[in-house]
C-alpha atoms as a PDB file:
ATOM      1  CA  UNK A   1      44.846  22.824  66.820  1.00  0.00           C
ATOM      2  CA  UNK A   2      43.255  21.891  63.493  1.00  0.00           C
ATOM      3  CA  UNK A   3      45.270  21.669  60.288  1.00  0.00           C
ATOM      4  CA  UNK A   4      44.564  24.423  57.778  1.00  0.00           C
ATOM      5  CA  UNK A   5      44.433  21.910  54.972  1.00  0.00           C
ATOM      6  CA  UNK A   6      41.907  20.174  52.756  1.00  0.00           C
ATOM      7  CA  UNK A   7      42.663  17.348  50.372  1.00  0.00           C
ATOM      8  CA  UNK A   8      40.521  16.316  47.418  1.00  0.00           C
ATOM      9  CA  UNK A   9      41.235  13.016  45.685  1.00  0.00           C
ATOM     10  CA  UNK A  10      40.756  12.077  42.043  1.00  0.00           C
ATOM     11  CA  UNK A  11      41.762   9.190  39.771  1.00  0.00           C
ATOM     12  CA  UNK A  12      43.157  10.687  36.531  1.00  0.00           C
ATOM     13  CA  UNK A  13      44.280   7.268  35.244  1.00  0.00           C
ATOM     14  CA  UNK A  14      44.217   3.640  36.292  1.00  0.00           C
ATOM     15  CA  UNK A  15      46.642   3.104  39.173  1.00  0.00           C
ATOM     16  CA  UNK A  16      47.145   6.848  39.725  1.00  0.00           C
ATOM     17  CA  UNK A  17      45.662   9.016  42.467  1.00  0.00           C
ATOM     18  CA  UNK A  18      45.839  12.799  42.318  1.00  0.00           C
ATOM     19  CA  UNK A  19      45.525  14.561  45.665  1.00  0.00           C
ATOM     20  CA  UNK A  20      44.699  18.257  45.419  1.00  0.00           C
ATOM     21  CA  UNK A  21      46.285  20.054  48.366  1.00  0.00           C
ATOM     22  CA  UNK A  22      44.571  23.258  49.511  1.00  0.00           C
ATOM     23  CA  UNK A  23      46.015  25.240  52.395  1.00  0.00           C
ATOM     24  CA  UNK A  24      49.065  24.800  54.581  1.00  0.00           C
ATOM     25  CA  UNK A  25      51.571  21.951  54.591  1.00  0.00           C
ATOM     26  CA  UNK A  26      52.925  21.932  58.151  1.00  0.00           C
ATOM     27  CA  UNK A  27      53.350  19.286  60.859  1.00  0.00           C
ATOM     28  CA  UNK A  28      49.579  19.475  61.345  1.00  0.00           C
ATOM     29  CA  UNK A  29      49.117  18.132  57.809  1.00  0.00           C
ATOM     30  CA  UNK A  30      50.705  14.780  58.621  1.00  0.00           C
ATOM     31  CA  UNK A  31      47.553  12.957  59.701  1.00  0.00           C
ATOM     32  CA  UNK A  32      45.226  14.149  56.916  1.00  0.00           C
ATOM     33  CA  UNK A  33      47.875  13.644  54.220  1.00  0.00           C
ATOM     34  CA  UNK A  34      48.779  10.179  55.520  1.00  0.00           C
ATOM     35  CA  UNK A  35      45.098   9.224  55.632  1.00  0.00           C
ATOM     36  CA  UNK A  36      44.516  10.452  52.055  1.00  0.00           C
ATOM     37  CA  UNK A  37      47.568   8.570  50.772  1.00  0.00           C
ATOM     38  CA  UNK A  38      46.551   5.401  52.666  1.00  0.00           C
ATOM     39  CA  UNK A  39      43.086   5.594  51.126  1.00  0.00           C
ATOM     40  CA  UNK A  40      44.586   6.040  47.636  1.00  0.00           C
ATOM     41  CA  UNK A  41      46.929   3.079  48.165  1.00  0.00           C
ATOM     42  CA  UNK A  42      44.076   0.937  49.473  1.00  0.00           C
ATOM     43  CA  UNK A  43      42.227   1.808  46.273  1.00  0.00           C
ATOM     44  CA  UNK A  44      45.075   0.400  44.197  1.00  0.00           C
ATOM     45  CA  UNK A  45      47.116   3.513  43.400  1.00  0.00           C
ATOM     46  CA  UNK A  46      50.719   2.741  42.430  1.00  0.00           C
ATOM     47  CA  UNK A  47      51.438   6.403  41.808  1.00  0.00           C
ATOM     48  CA  UNK A  48      50.456   9.433  43.877  1.00  0.00           C
ATOM     49  CA  UNK A  49      50.432  12.927  42.412  1.00  0.00           C
ATOM     50  CA  UNK A  50      50.272  15.809  44.854  1.00  0.00           C
ATOM     51  CA  UNK A  51      48.730  18.844  43.148  1.00  0.00           C
ATOM     52  CA  UNK A  52      50.040  21.887  44.996  1.00  0.00           C
ATOM     53  CA  UNK A  53      48.212  24.534  42.961  1.00  0.00           C
ATOM     54  CA  UNK A  54      46.180  25.310  46.107  1.00  0.00           C
ATOM     55  CA  UNK A  55      49.178  25.352  48.477  1.00  0.00           C
ATOM     56  CA  UNK A  56      49.290  28.575  50.485  1.00  0.00           C
ATOM     57  CA  UNK A  57      52.142  27.824  52.897  1.00  0.00           C
ATOM     58  CA  UNK A  58      54.762  25.155  53.526  1.00  0.00           C
ATOM     59  CA  UNK A  59      57.369  25.184  56.269  1.00  0.00           C
ATOM     60  CA  UNK A  60      60.313  22.893  56.999  1.00  0.00           C
ATOM     61  CA  UNK A  61      58.062  20.415  58.835  1.00  0.00           C
ATOM     62  CA  UNK A  62      55.891  20.178  55.725  1.00  0.00           C
ATOM     63  CA  UNK A  63      58.973  19.586  53.582  1.00  0.00           C
ATOM     64  CA  UNK A  64      60.096  16.869  56.000  1.00  0.00           C
ATOM     65  CA  UNK A  65      56.671  15.293  55.729  1.00  0.00           C
ATOM     66  CA  UNK A  66      57.139  15.047  51.957  1.00  0.00           C
ATOM     67  CA  UNK A  67      60.563  13.421  52.369  1.00  0.00           C
ATOM     68  CA  UNK A  68      59.131  10.782  54.717  1.00  0.00           C
ATOM     69  CA  UNK A  69      56.138  10.194  52.447  1.00  0.00           C
ATOM     70  CA  UNK A  70      58.358   9.705  49.383  1.00  0.00           C
ATOM     71  CA  UNK A  71      60.578   7.238  51.276  1.00  0.00           C
ATOM     72  CA  UNK A  72      57.574   5.276  52.544  1.00  0.00           C
ATOM     73  CA  UNK A  73      56.014   5.060  49.077  1.00  0.00           C
ATOM     74  CA  UNK A  74      59.344   4.120  47.457  1.00  0.00           C
ATOM     75  CA  UNK A  75      59.660   1.318  50.028  1.00  0.00           C
ATOM     76  CA  UNK A  76      56.282   0.031  48.809  1.00  0.00           C
ATOM     77  CA  UNK A  77      57.420   0.267  45.164  1.00  0.00           C
ATOM     78  CA  UNK A  78      55.084   3.221  44.591  1.00  0.00           C
ATOM     79  CA  UNK A  79      55.879   6.613  43.111  1.00  0.00           C
ATOM     80  CA  UNK A  80      55.274  10.154  44.301  1.00  0.00           C
ATOM     81  CA  UNK A  81      55.240  13.210  42.039  1.00  0.00           C
ATOM     82  CA  UNK A  82      54.131  16.818  42.403  1.00  0.00           C
ATOM     83  CA  UNK A  83      52.471  19.342  40.122  1.00  0.00           C
ATOM     84  CA  UNK A  84      51.126  22.850  40.475  1.00  0.00           C
ATOM     85  CA  UNK A  85      54.106  24.453  42.200  1.00  0.00           C
ATOM     86  CA  UNK A  86      54.274  28.222  41.909  1.00  0.00           C
ATOM     87  CA  UNK A  87      57.640  29.908  41.319  1.00  0.00           C
ATOM     88  CA  UNK A  88      58.350  30.276  45.046  1.00  0.00           C
ATOM     89  CA  UNK A  89      57.761  26.601  45.880  1.00  0.00           C
ATOM     90  CA  UNK A  90      59.625  25.491  42.756  1.00  0.00           C
ATOM     91  CA  UNK A  91      62.609  27.404  44.129  1.00  0.00           C
ATOM     92  CA  UNK A  92      62.102  25.780  47.553  1.00  0.00           C
ATOM     93  CA  UNK A  93      62.068  22.318  45.972  1.00  0.00           C
ATOM     94  CA  UNK A  94      65.190  23.115  43.953  1.00  0.00           C
ATOM     95  CA  UNK A  95      67.226  24.726  46.757  1.00  0.00           C
ATOM     96  CA  UNK A  96      66.353  22.081  49.348  1.00  0.00           C
ATOM     97  CA  UNK A  97      66.881  19.174  46.966  1.00  0.00           C
ATOM     98  CA  UNK A  98      63.301  17.959  47.299  1.00  0.00           C
ATOM     99  CA  UNK A  99      63.123  17.781  43.500  1.00  0.00           C
ATOM    100  CA  UNK A 100      65.945  15.216  43.489  1.00  0.00           C
ATOM    101  CA  UNK A 101      63.730  12.611  45.158  1.00  0.00           C
ATOM    102  CA  UNK A 102      60.291  13.844  44.146  1.00  0.00           C
ATOM    103  CA  UNK A 103      59.772  14.557  40.449  1.00  0.00           C
ATOM    104  CA  UNK A 104      58.161  17.923  39.697  1.00  0.00           C
ATOM    105  CA  UNK A 105      55.921  18.247  36.631  1.00  0.00           C
ATOM    106  CA  UNK A 106      54.201  21.245  35.100  1.00  0.00           C
ATOM    107  CA  UNK A 107      50.921  19.432  34.569  1.00  0.00           C
ATOM    108  CA  UNK A 108      49.089  16.391  35.821  1.00  0.00           C
ATOM    109  CA  UNK A 109      49.061  14.979  32.282  1.00  0.00           C
ATOM    110  CA  UNK A 110      52.886  15.079  32.227  1.00  0.00           C
ATOM    111  CA  UNK A 111      53.043  13.330  35.611  1.00  0.00           C
ATOM    112  CA  UNK A 112      50.607  10.623  34.463  1.00  0.00           C
ATOM    113  CA  UNK A 113      52.543  10.102  31.209  1.00  0.00           C
ATOM    114  CA  UNK A 114      55.835   9.744  33.127  1.00  0.00           C
ATOM    115  CA  UNK A 115      54.634   6.880  35.271  1.00  0.00           C
END
């Protein structure tokens, strides 16, 4: 079964990688997301911004994936942040506590400035 996910990478600032997430964040997203993050880290990114403006679905496995990713990056002294959450996913982040470990910003510029 193929993941219903595409990831586009950009470099909005030195040491920062922005990964635009389009599609579904489920257990099937683990490999492509891990590969995109590994490529960003190999390119020197100290901070990773996940842009969820193209997110269409996220389940509990996708949320767990984010928790593991944040812990792994923190262990490497790197930072993870998210932008582009719609009202529904903002509520999900707030009610599950995801926003306690992963900062949520309105815009990419705010996330870059907070580094």
